[in-house]
C-alpha atoms as a PDB file:
ATOM      1  CA  MET A   1     -12.215  -3.835 -28.712  1.00  0.00           C
ATOM      2  CA  ASP A   2     -13.708  -2.329 -25.557  1.00  0.00           C
ATOM      3  CA  LYS A   3     -12.501   1.147 -24.729  1.00  0.00           C
ATOM      4  CA  VAL A   4     -10.029   1.178 -21.845  1.00  0.00           C
ATOM      5  CA  ARG A   5     -11.499   3.157 -18.926  1.00  0.00           C
ATOM      6  CA  LYS A   6      -9.030   2.371 -16.137  1.00  0.00           C
ATOM      7  CA  ILE A   7      -5.800   0.549 -15.470  1.00  0.00           C
ATOM      8  CA  LEU A   8      -6.369  -3.099 -14.538  1.00  0.00           C
ATOM      9  CA  VAL A   9      -4.195  -6.083 -13.697  1.00  0.00           C
ATOM     10  CA  TYR A  10      -3.352  -8.648 -16.373  1.00  0.00           C
ATOM     11  CA  VAL A  11      -1.520 -11.900 -15.693  1.00  0.00           C
ATOM     12  CA  CYS A  12       0.439 -14.272 -17.879  1.00  0.00           C
ATOM     13  CA  LYS A  13       2.526 -17.414 -17.523  1.00  0.00           C
ATOM     14  CA  ASP A  14       5.060 -19.060 -19.786  1.00  0.00           C
ATOM     15  CA  ARG A  15       5.027 -16.256 -22.384  1.00  0.00           C
ATOM     16  CA  ALA A  16       1.302 -16.662 -23.000  1.00  0.00           C
ATOM     17  CA  THR A  17      -0.869 -13.716 -23.995  1.00  0.00           C
ATOM     18  CA  PRO A  18      -1.719 -11.619 -20.897  1.00  0.00           C
ATOM     19  CA  GLN A  19      -5.244 -12.198 -19.631  1.00  0.00           C
ATOM     20  CA  ARG A  20      -7.295  -9.739 -17.608  1.00  0.00           C
ATOM     21  CA  ALA A  21      -7.386 -10.862 -13.979  1.00  0.00           C
ATOM     22  CA  GLN A  22     -10.814 -11.687 -12.587  1.00  0.00           C
ATOM     23  CA  PHE A  23     -12.089  -9.949  -9.456  1.00  0.00           C
ATOM     24  CA  VAL A  24     -12.406 -13.236  -7.545  1.00  0.00           C
ATOM     25  CA  GLN A  25      -9.012 -14.519  -8.743  1.00  0.00           C
ATOM     26  CA  SER A  26      -6.134 -14.554  -6.278  1.00  0.00           C
ATOM     27  CA  ILE A  27      -3.259 -12.883  -8.103  1.00  0.00           C
ATOM     28  CA  THR A  28      -0.657 -14.246  -5.704  1.00  0.00           C
ATOM     29  CA  GLY A  29      -2.198 -17.691  -5.927  1.00  0.00           C
ATOM     30  CA  HIS A  30      -2.013 -17.549  -9.732  1.00  0.00           C
ATOM     31  CA  PHE A  31       1.778 -17.578  -9.532  1.00  0.00           C
ATOM     32  CA  THR A  32       2.265 -20.129  -6.746  1.00  0.00           C
ATOM     33  CA  ASP A  33       1.911 -23.892  -6.868  1.00  0.00           C
ATOM     34  CA  SER A  34       0.948 -24.099  -3.217  1.00  0.00           C
ATOM     35  CA  ALA A  35      -0.730 -22.080  -0.502  1.00  0.00           C
ATOM     36  CA  ASP A  36       2.271 -19.748  -0.265  1.00  0.00           C
ATOM     37  CA  ASP A  37       1.401 -16.107   0.333  1.00  0.00           C
ATOM     38  CA  GLU A  38       4.481 -14.590  -1.306  1.00  0.00           C
ATOM     39  CA  VAL A  39       6.122 -15.065  -4.683  1.00  0.00           C
ATOM     40  CA  GLU A  40       8.545 -13.157  -6.904  1.00  0.00           C
ATOM     41  CA  VAL A  41       7.172 -11.785 -10.167  1.00  0.00           C
ATOM     42  CA  SER A  42       8.064  -9.274 -12.840  1.00  0.00           C
ATOM     43  CA  CYS A  43       5.774  -6.428 -13.818  1.00  0.00           C
ATOM     44  CA  THR A  44       5.345  -3.881 -16.553  1.00  0.00           C
ATOM     45  CA  LEU A  45       2.828  -1.190 -17.504  1.00  0.00           C
ATOM     46  CA  GLU A  46       2.120  -1.381 -21.234  1.00  0.00           C
ATOM     47  CA  LYS A  47      -0.717   0.172 -23.214  1.00  0.00           C
ATOM     48  CA  ASN A  48      -2.716   0.860 -20.034  1.00  0.00           C
ATOM     49  CA  GLN A  49      -2.379  -2.736 -18.851  1.00  0.00           C
ATOM     50  CA  PHE A  50      -0.448  -3.598 -15.688  1.00  0.00           C
ATOM     51  CA  ILE A  51       0.995  -6.995 -16.564  1.00  0.00           C
ATOM     52  CA  LEU A  52       2.374  -9.454 -14.022  1.00  0.00           C
ATOM     53  CA  TYR A  53       4.389 -12.424 -15.191  1.00  0.00           C
ATOM     54  CA  LYS A  54       6.976 -14.970 -14.142  1.00  0.00           C
ATOM     55  CA  GLY A  55       9.947 -15.561 -16.348  1.00  0.00           C
ATOM     56  CA  ASP A  56      13.584 -14.822 -16.959  1.00  0.00           C
ATOM     57  CA  ARG A  57      13.020 -11.336 -18.326  1.00  0.00           C
ATOM     58  CA  GLY A  58      12.659  -8.224 -16.198  1.00  0.00           C
ATOM     59  CA  GLN A  59      13.534  -7.438 -12.629  1.00  0.00           C
ATOM     60  CA  ARG A  60      11.653  -9.495 -10.066  1.00  0.00           C
ATOM     61  CA  VAL A  61       9.902  -8.039  -7.046  1.00  0.00           C
ATOM     62  CA  PRO A  62       7.976  -9.684  -4.204  1.00  0.00           C
ATOM     63  CA  LEU A  63       4.208 -10.043  -4.562  1.00  0.00           C
ATOM     64  CA  LYS A  64       2.442 -10.817  -1.300  1.00  0.00           C
ATOM     65  CA  ARG A  65      -1.019 -11.278   0.161  1.00  0.00           C
ATOM     66  CA  PRO A  66      -1.934 -11.603   3.854  1.00  0.00           C
ATOM     67  CA  ALA A  67      -2.525 -15.101   5.192  1.00  0.00           C
ATOM     68  CA  PHE A  68      -6.141 -14.049   5.846  1.00  0.00           C
ATOM     69  CA  CYS A  69      -6.699 -12.654   2.324  1.00  0.00           C
ATOM     70  CA  PRO A  70     -10.461 -12.899   1.646  1.00  0.00           C
ATOM     71  CA  ILE A  71      -9.977 -13.900  -1.990  1.00  0.00           C
ATOM     72  CA  LYS A  72      -7.698 -16.756  -0.916  1.00  0.00           C
ATOM     73  CA  HIS A  73     -10.342 -18.148   1.437  1.00  0.00           C
ATOM     74  CA  LEU A  74     -13.457 -17.271  -0.595  1.00  0.00           C
ATOM     75  CA  PRO A  75     -15.758 -20.310  -1.037  1.00  0.00           C
ATOM     76  CA  ALA A  76     -17.342 -20.713  -4.457  1.00  0.00           C
ATOM     77  CA  THR A  77     -20.822 -20.239  -3.004  1.00  0.00           C
ATOM     78  CA  GLU A  78     -19.845 -16.873  -1.496  1.00  0.00           C
ATOM     79  CA  ALA A  79     -18.007 -15.824  -4.653  1.00  0.00           C
ATOM     80  CA  ALA A  80     -21.226 -16.376  -6.590  1.00  0.00           C
ATOM     81  CA  ALA A  81     -23.027 -14.067  -4.136  1.00  0.00           C
ATOM     82  CA  ILE A  82     -20.808 -11.092  -5.002  1.00  0.00           C
ATOM     83  CA  PRO A  83     -22.857  -8.622  -7.094  1.00  0.00           C
ATOM     84  CA  GLN A  84     -22.128  -8.689 -10.818  1.00  0.00           C
ATOM     85  CA  ASP A  85     -21.155  -5.018 -10.922  1.00  0.00           C
ATOM     86  CA  VAL A  86     -18.446  -5.757  -8.340  1.00  0.00           C
ATOM     87  CA  GLN A  87     -17.240  -8.922 -10.086  1.00  0.00           C
ATOM     88  CA  GLN A  88     -16.937  -7.022 -13.346  1.00  0.00           C
ATOM     89  CA  ARG A  89     -14.580  -4.460 -11.800  1.00  0.00           C
ATOM     90  CA  GLY A  90     -11.512  -6.619 -12.343  1.00  0.00           C
ATOM     91  CA  VAL A  91      -8.423  -6.004 -10.222  1.00  0.00           C
ATOM     92  CA  ASP A  92      -7.453  -2.346  -9.904  1.00  0.00           C
ATOM     93  CA  VAL A  93      -3.945  -0.901  -9.750  1.00  0.00           C
ATOM     94  CA  GLY A  94      -2.653   1.592  -7.204  1.00  0.00           C
ATOM     95  CA  VAL A  95       0.688   3.171  -6.382  1.00  0.00           C
ATOM     96  CA  ALA A  96       1.783   4.045  -2.837  1.00  0.00           C
ATOM     97  CA  ILE A  97       4.851   6.196  -2.201  1.00  0.00           C
ATOM     98  CA  ILE A  98       7.408   5.375   0.472  1.00  0.00           C
ATOM     99  CA  LEU A  99       9.044   8.812   0.657  1.00  0.00           C
ATOM    100  CA  GLN A 100      12.421   8.583   2.380  1.00  0.00           C
ATOM    101  CA  THR A 101      13.943  11.812   3.631  1.00  0.00           C
ATOM    102  CA  ALA A 102      17.643  12.664   3.765  1.00  0.00           C
ATOM    103  CA  ASN A 103      17.627  11.747   7.482  1.00  0.00           C
ATOM    104  CA  GLN A 104      15.940   8.384   6.833  1.00  0.00           C
ATOM    105  CA  ARG A 105      12.360   9.022   7.845  1.00  0.00           C
ATOM    106  CA  VAL A 106       9.288   7.995   5.873  1.00  0.00           C
ATOM    107  CA  LEU A 107       5.953   9.759   5.522  1.00  0.00           C
ATOM    108  CA  LEU A 108       2.768   8.035   6.691  1.00  0.00           C
ATOM    109  CA  THR A 109      -0.730   9.480   6.470  1.00  0.00           C
ATOM    110  CA  ARG A 110      -3.966   8.567   8.204  1.00  0.00           C
ATOM    111  CA  ARG A 111      -6.848   8.123   5.804  1.00  0.00           C
ATOM    112  CA  ALA A 112      -9.834  10.368   6.532  1.00  0.00           C
ATOM    113  CA  LYS A 113     -12.586   8.674   8.529  1.00  0.00           C
ATOM    114  CA  GLU A 114     -15.154   9.588   5.859  1.00  0.00           C
ATOM    115  CA  LEU A 115     -13.472   7.460   3.192  1.00  0.00           C
ATOM    116  CA  ARG A 116     -15.313   4.277   2.241  1.00  0.00           C
ATOM    117  CA  ILE A 117     -12.203   2.117   1.851  1.00  0.00           C
ATOM    118  CA  PHE A 118      -9.888   1.609   4.844  1.00  0.00           C
ATOM    119  CA  PRO A 119     -10.998   4.726   6.776  1.00  0.00           C
ATOM    120  CA  ASN A 120      -8.839   5.890   9.701  1.00  0.00           C
ATOM    121  CA  VAL A 121      -5.977   3.573   8.720  1.00  0.00           C
ATOM    122  CA  TRP A 122      -2.324   4.688   8.402  1.00  0.00           C
ATOM    123  CA  VAL A 123      -0.797   4.266   4.934  1.00  0.00           C
ATOM    124  CA  PRO A 124       1.735   5.985   2.666  1.00  0.00           C
ATOM    125  CA  PRO A 125       0.356   8.559   0.215  1.00  0.00           C
ATOM    126  CA  GLY A 126      -1.013   6.929  -2.933  1.00  0.00           C
ATOM    127  CA  GLY A 127      -3.943   6.084  -5.140  1.00  0.00           C
ATOM    128  CA  HIS A 128      -5.066   4.771  -8.510  1.00  0.00           C
ATOM    129  CA  VAL A 129      -3.001   4.900 -11.684  1.00  0.00           C
ATOM    130  CA  GLU A 130      -4.827   6.916 -14.327  1.00  0.00           C
ATOM    131  CA  LEU A 131      -4.907   6.214 -18.045  1.00  0.00           C
ATOM    132  CA  ASP A 132      -1.654   6.937 -19.921  1.00  0.00           C
ATOM    133  CA  GLU A 133       0.287   7.677 -16.725  1.00  0.00           C
ATOM    134  CA  THR A 134       3.563   6.025 -15.826  1.00  0.00           C
ATOM    135  CA  LEU A 135       3.752   4.459 -12.376  1.00  0.00           C
ATOM    136  CA  LEU A 136       6.101   7.229 -11.232  1.00  0.00           C
ATOM    137  CA  ASP A 137       3.852   9.975 -12.622  1.00  0.00           C
ATOM    138  CA  ALA A 138       0.878   8.468 -10.802  1.00  0.00           C
ATOM    139  CA  GLY A 139       2.798   8.249  -7.536  1.00  0.00           C
ATOM    140  CA  LEU A 140       4.051  11.822  -7.741  1.00  0.00           C
ATOM    141  CA  ARG A 141       0.563  13.091  -8.622  1.00  0.00           C
ATOM    142  CA  GLU A 142      -1.033  11.285  -5.684  1.00  0.00           C
ATOM    143  CA  LEU A 143       1.716  12.479  -3.345  1.00  0.00           C
ATOM    144  CA  HIS A 144       1.046  16.075  -4.395  1.00  0.00           C
ATOM    145  CA  GLU A 145      -2.760  15.756  -4.270  1.00  0.00           C
ATOM    146  CA  GLU A 146      -2.809  14.175  -0.819  1.00  0.00           C
ATOM    147  CA  THR A 147       0.058  15.980   0.936  1.00  0.00           C
ATOM    148  CA  GLY A 148       0.919  19.070  -1.107  1.00  0.00           C
ATOM    149  CA  LEU A 149       4.499  17.851  -1.575  1.00  0.00           C
ATOM    150  CA  LYS A 150       5.643  18.355  -5.166  1.00  0.00           C
ATOM    151  CA  LEU A 151       8.683  16.404  -6.300  1.00  0.00           C
ATOM    152  CA  GLU A 152      10.192  16.247  -9.767  1.00  0.00           C
ATOM    153  CA  PRO A 153      10.758  12.844 -11.449  1.00  0.00           C
ATOM    154  CA  GLU A 154      14.473  13.457 -11.973  1.00  0.00           C
ATOM    155  CA  GLN A 155      14.995  14.141  -8.262  1.00  0.00           C
ATOM    156  CA  VAL A 156      13.656  10.993  -6.620  1.00  0.00           C
ATOM    157  CA  SER A 157      15.523   7.823  -7.806  1.00  0.00           C
ATOM    158  CA  PRO A 158      12.407   5.603  -7.903  1.00  0.00           C
ATOM    159  CA  LYS A 159      12.520   1.918  -6.995  1.00  0.00           C
ATOM    160  CA  ILE A 160       9.670  -0.599  -6.760  1.00  0.00           C
ATOM    161  CA  LEU A 161       9.940  -2.279  -3.370  1.00  0.00           C
ATOM    162  CA  GLY A 162       7.137  -4.793  -3.793  1.00  0.00           C
ATOM    163  CA  LEU A 163       3.532  -5.510  -4.756  1.00  0.00           C
ATOM    164  CA  TRP A 164       0.692  -6.086  -2.318  1.00  0.00           C
ATOM    165  CA  GLU A 165      -2.580  -7.865  -3.040  1.00  0.00           C
ATOM    166  CA  SER A 166      -5.149  -5.769  -1.185  1.00  0.00           C
ATOM    167  CA  VAL A 167      -8.808  -6.667  -0.669  1.00  0.00           C
ATOM    168  CA  PHE A 168     -11.501  -4.659   1.116  1.00  0.00           C
ATOM    169  CA  PRO A 169     -12.962  -5.590   3.530  1.00  0.00           C
ATOM    170  CA  PRO A 170      -9.659  -7.189   4.548  1.00  0.00           C
ATOM    171  CA  MET A 171     -11.259 -10.267   6.144  1.00  0.00           C
ATOM    172  CA  LEU A 172     -14.249 -12.415   5.227  1.00  0.00           C
ATOM    173  CA  SER A 173     -15.554 -11.957   8.774  1.00  0.00           C
ATOM    174  CA  ARG A 174     -16.354  -8.346   7.788  1.00  0.00           C
ATOM    175  CA  GLY A 175     -18.279  -9.154   4.630  1.00  0.00           C
ATOM    176  CA  LEU A 176     -17.787 -10.120   1.005  1.00  0.00           C
ATOM    177  CA  PRO A 177     -14.995  -8.451  -1.004  1.00  0.00           C
ATOM    178  CA  GLN A 178     -15.928  -5.108  -2.526  1.00  0.00           C
ATOM    179  CA  ARG A 179     -12.552  -3.945  -3.879  1.00  0.00           C
ATOM    180  CA  HIS A 180      -9.497  -5.835  -5.115  1.00  0.00           C
ATOM    181  CA  HIS A 181      -6.195  -4.100  -5.876  1.00  0.00           C
ATOM    182  CA  ILE A 182      -2.568  -4.697  -6.569  1.00  0.00           C
ATOM    183  CA  VAL A 183      -0.713  -1.899  -4.784  1.00  0.00           C
ATOM    184  CA  ILE A 184       2.746  -1.007  -6.080  1.00  0.00           C
ATOM    185  CA  TYR A 185       4.934   0.290  -3.264  1.00  0.00           C
ATOM    186  CA  MET A 186       7.493   2.654  -4.747  1.00  0.00           C
ATOM    187  CA  LEU A 187      10.447   4.070  -2.841  1.00  0.00           C
ATOM    188  CA  LEU A 188      11.380   7.677  -3.592  1.00  0.00           C
ATOM    189  CA  HIS A 189      14.330   9.558  -2.110  1.00  0.00           C
ATOM    190  CA  SER A 190      14.254  13.224  -1.131  1.00  0.00           C
ATOM    191  CA  SER A 191      17.442  15.229  -0.649  1.00  0.00           C
ATOM    192  CA  LEU A 192      15.684  17.152   2.142  1.00  0.00           C
ATOM    193  CA  THR A 193      15.163  16.196   5.773  1.00  0.00           C
ATOM    194  CA  HIS A 194      11.680  15.796   7.230  1.00  0.00           C
ATOM    195  CA  LEU A 195      12.101  19.143   9.011  1.00  0.00           C
ATOM    196  CA  GLN A 196      12.798  20.809   5.658  1.00  0.00           C
ATOM    197  CA  LEU A 197       9.803  19.104   4.017  1.00  0.00           C
ATOM    198  CA  GLN A 198       7.368  19.712   6.871  1.00  0.00           C
ATOM    199  CA  PRO A 199       6.624  23.397   5.977  1.00  0.00           C
ATOM    200  CA  SER A 200       5.554  22.261   2.483  1.00  0.00           C
ATOM    201  CA  LEU A 201       3.004  19.762   3.801  1.00  0.00           C
ATOM    202  CA  ARG A 202      -0.501  20.806   2.730  1.00  0.00           C
ATOM    203  CA  PRO A 203      -2.617  17.680   3.244  1.00  0.00           C
ATOM    204  CA  SER A 204      -6.036  17.371   1.652  1.00  0.00           C
ATOM    205  CA  PRO A 205      -8.493  17.068   4.578  1.00  0.00           C
ATOM    206  CA  ALA A 206     -10.891  15.131   2.344  1.00  0.00           C
ATOM    207  CA  GLU A 207      -8.321  12.330   2.162  1.00  0.00           C
ATOM    208  CA  VAL A 208      -5.849  12.800   5.027  1.00  0.00           C
ATOM    209  CA  SER A 209      -6.582  13.407   8.718  1.00  0.00           C
ATOM    210  CA  ALA A 210      -3.030  13.198  10.114  1.00  0.00           C
ATOM    211  CA  CYS A 211       0.622  12.852   9.031  1.00  0.00           C
ATOM    212  CA  LEU A 212       3.689  11.307  10.608  1.00  0.00           C
ATOM    213  CA  TRP A 213       7.406  11.208   9.780  1.00  0.00           C
ATOM    214  CA  ALA A 214       8.392   7.763  11.072  1.00  0.00           C
ATOM    215  CA  ASP A 215      12.010   6.929  11.861  1.00  0.00           C
ATOM    216  CA  SER A 216      13.474   3.448  11.489  1.00  0.00           C
ATOM    217  CA  ARG A 217      13.085   2.654  15.196  1.00  0.00           C
ATOM    218  CA  LEU A 218       9.339   3.293  15.088  1.00  0.00           C
ATOM    219  CA  VAL A 219       9.076   1.424  11.782  1.00  0.00           C
ATOM    220  CA  ARG A 220      10.723  -1.644  13.344  1.00  0.00           C
ATOM    221  CA  ALA A 221       8.098  -1.592  16.089  1.00  0.00           C
ATOM    222  CA  ILE A 222       5.299  -1.199  13.526  1.00  0.00           C
ATOM    223  CA  VAL A 223       6.379  -4.135  11.347  1.00  0.00           C
ATOM    224  CA  SER A 224       6.917  -6.392  14.373  1.00  0.00           C
ATOM    225  CA  ALA A 225       3.162  -6.202  15.101  1.00  0.00           C
ATOM    226  CA  VAL A 226       2.316  -8.759  12.414  1.00  0.00           C
ATOM    227  CA  ASP A 227      -1.389  -8.923  11.591  1.00  0.00           C
ATOM    228  CA  GLY A 228      -2.868 -12.358  12.168  1.00  0.00           C
ATOM    229  CA  GLU A 229      -0.136 -13.307  14.650  1.00  0.00           C
ATOM    230  CA  ASP A 230       0.367 -12.719  18.364  1.00  0.00           C
ATOM    231  CA  ALA A 231       4.171 -12.623  18.591  1.00  0.00           C
ATOM    232  CA  GLU A 232       5.750 -10.058  20.904  1.00  0.00           C
ATOM    233  CA  VAL A 233       6.134  -6.538  19.531  1.00  0.00           C
ATOM    234  CA  ARG A 234       9.666  -5.149  19.274  1.00  0.00           C
ATOM    235  CA  LEU A 235       9.590  -1.845  21.153  1.00  0.00           C
ATOM    236  CA  ASP A 236      13.324  -0.994  21.560  1.00  0.00           C
ATOM    237  CA  ASP A 237      12.646   1.575  24.303  1.00  0.00           C
ATOM    238  CA  GLN A 238      10.084   3.416  22.203  1.00  0.00           C
ATOM    239  CA  PRO A 239       8.391   6.345  23.959  1.00  0.00           C
ATOM    240  CA  ASP A 240       4.749   5.811  24.917  1.00  0.00           C
ATOM    241  CA  SER A 241       3.625   8.678  22.662  1.00  0.00           C
ATOM    242  CA  ILE A 242       4.405   9.600  19.041  1.00  0.00           C
ATOM    243  CA  SER A 243       4.340  13.126  17.622  1.00  0.00           C
ATOM    244  CA  VAL A 244       1.964  13.519  14.657  1.00  0.00           C
ATOM    245  CA  SER A 245       0.470  16.401  12.668  1.00  0.00           C
ATOM    246  CA  GLN A 246      -3.322  16.464  12.902  1.00  0.00           C
ATOM    247  CA  VAL A 247      -5.147  17.899   9.866  1.00  0.00           C
ATOM    248  CA  SER A 248      -8.101  20.215  10.527  1.00  0.00           C
ATOM    249  CA  ALA A 249     -11.131  20.601   8.268  1.00  0.00           C
ATOM    250  CA  ASP A 250      -9.497  23.617   6.581  1.00  0.00           C
ATOM    251  CA  GLY A 251      -6.173  21.797   6.096  1.00  0.00           C
ATOM    252  CA  ALA A 252      -4.277  23.433   8.958  1.00  0.00           C
ATOM    253  CA  LEU A 253      -1.733  21.281  10.827  1.00  0.00           C
ATOM    254  CA  THR A 254      -1.565  20.959  14.598  1.00  0.00           C
ATOM    255  CA  GLU A 255       1.101  18.980  16.417  1.00  0.00           C
ATOM    256  CA  SER A 256      -0.172  16.438  18.927  1.00  0.00           C
ATOM    257  CA  LEU A 257       0.858  13.226  20.646  1.00  0.00           C
ATOM    258  CA  MET A 258      -0.706   9.864  19.874  1.00  0.00           C
ATOM    259  CA  PRO A 259      -0.302   6.654  21.888  1.00  0.00           C
ATOM    260  CA  LEU A 260       2.331   4.285  20.532  1.00  0.00           C
ATOM    261  CA  ALA A 261      -0.309   1.577  20.920  1.00  0.00           C
ATOM    262  CA  VAL A 262      -2.123   2.921  17.823  1.00  0.00           C
ATOM    263  CA  PHE A 263       0.853   2.166  15.591  1.00  0.00           C
ATOM    264  CA  ILE A 264       1.435  -1.339  16.922  1.00  0.00           C
ATOM    265  CA  SER A 265      -2.224  -2.341  16.809  1.00  0.00           C
ATOM    266  CA  ARG A 266      -3.071  -5.430  14.792  1.00  0.00           C
ATOM    267  CA  ALA A 267      -5.994  -5.926  12.437  1.00  0.00           C
ATOM    268  CA  PRO A 268      -8.795  -7.486  14.555  1.00  0.00           C
ATOM    269  CA  ALA A 269      -9.951 -10.895  13.361  1.00  0.00           C
ATOM    270  CA  SER A 270     -13.602  -9.898  13.729  1.00  0.00           C
ATOM    271  CA  GLY A 271     -15.761  -6.931  14.587  1.00  0.00           C
ATOM    272  CA  PRO A 272     -15.138  -3.352  13.488  1.00  0.00           C
ATOM    273  CA  ASP A 273     -11.689  -2.264  12.350  1.00  0.00           C
ATOM    274  CA  VAL A 274      -9.446  -0.079  14.512  1.00  0.00           C
ATOM    275  CA  GLU A 275      -7.018   2.742  13.869  1.00  0.00           C
ATOM    276  CA  ARG A 276      -3.801   1.010  12.869  1.00  0.00           C
ATOM    277  CA  VAL A 277      -1.083   0.807  10.239  1.00  0.00           C
ATOM    278  CA  SER A 278      -2.380  -1.190   7.281  1.00  0.00           C
ATOM    279  CA  THR A 279      -1.113  -4.716   6.699  1.00  0.00           C
ATOM    280  CA  GLY A 280       0.211  -3.814   3.252  1.00  0.00           C
ATOM    281  CA  THR A 281       2.034  -0.817   4.676  1.00  0.00           C
ATOM    282  CA  LYS A 282       3.784  -3.074   7.193  1.00  0.00           C
ATOM    283  CA  PHE A 283       4.911  -5.266   4.283  1.00  0.00           C
ATOM    284  CA  ALA A 284       6.313  -2.249   2.439  1.00  0.00           C
ATOM    285  CA  LEU A 285       7.997  -0.804   5.520  1.00  0.00           C
ATOM    286  CA  GLU A 286       9.727  -4.117   6.178  1.00  0.00           C
ATOM    287  CA  LEU A 287      11.090  -4.017   2.632  1.00  0.00           C
ATOM    288  CA  TRP A 288      12.184  -0.414   3.210  1.00  0.00           C
ATOM    289  CA  LEU A 289      14.117  -1.403   6.332  1.00  0.00           C
ATOM    290  CA  ARG A 290      16.043  -3.932   4.255  1.00  0.00           C
ATOM    291  CA  THR A 291      17.175  -1.180   1.874  1.00  0.00           C
ATOM    292  CA  LEU A 292      18.757   0.653   4.818  1.00  0.00           C
ATOM    293  CA  ASP A 293      21.044  -2.336   5.321  1.00  0.00           C
ATOM    294  CA  GLU A 294      22.073  -2.485   1.665  1.00  0.00           C
ATOM    295  CA  PRO A 295      25.571  -1.154   0.886  1.00  0.00           C
ATOM    296  CA  ASP A 296      25.792   2.082  -1.079  1.00  0.00           C
ATOM    297  CA  LEU A 297      26.967   1.568  -4.653  1.00  0.00           C
END
């Protein structure tokens, strides 16, 4: 048996043995009988395999891909042109943390412009799951590494909101796929407000160039700017500028104002990408908004 070097996605149907997902395989498409872009699945992390399955066992969560997912639209001729070292990567697994404060704000970070994958894009803190980690351990580690915030597992009441099929570049118009992930969006609760957490923020400038505590009103505007569509954005009397913390090269934070337009920008269909909130993040934030409407148990 080959030695496991990283956590990868495995898929199974009808109680069959889980099979390692192929790089050019649409994970969402594997579980749908049509061109649907969303389906409910169950998931588990066992023996360093992240297994997705449909069945009557386990809690189901939404799995979604964007309508413009490159893997969904990848012709066979272009799939064959993807370098072998890329095709052999499989489908990686990441965890992104939706950190909700006591006053119902969530933390977003802007990825450093030097990063190769999705530079200058706003996302929650997160990253790859390492060998022998639980999903929660991976999320808490990435949260600490990227932002300096250290939370204990027993304090956060974790909940998986949903799974996102992420491909980079995000559209075929920008080139052949280079990375393919399933991102697990996990909701964590803090007993502190964003003002109480702010002094503990110590972002890593190698990964994070700005931070933002978004309230539900801003989040509603963000998710209304659906990528790939041109429907009207829901502004609800939003101010024209949003307060963010810029991260300097030495990690110091400076408060500044950014145009609201940045956060309601859509992914361009062609040409270079722009500073925006990622499509997967919009999916997760929409799921987060739904939890605010759920009754307390």
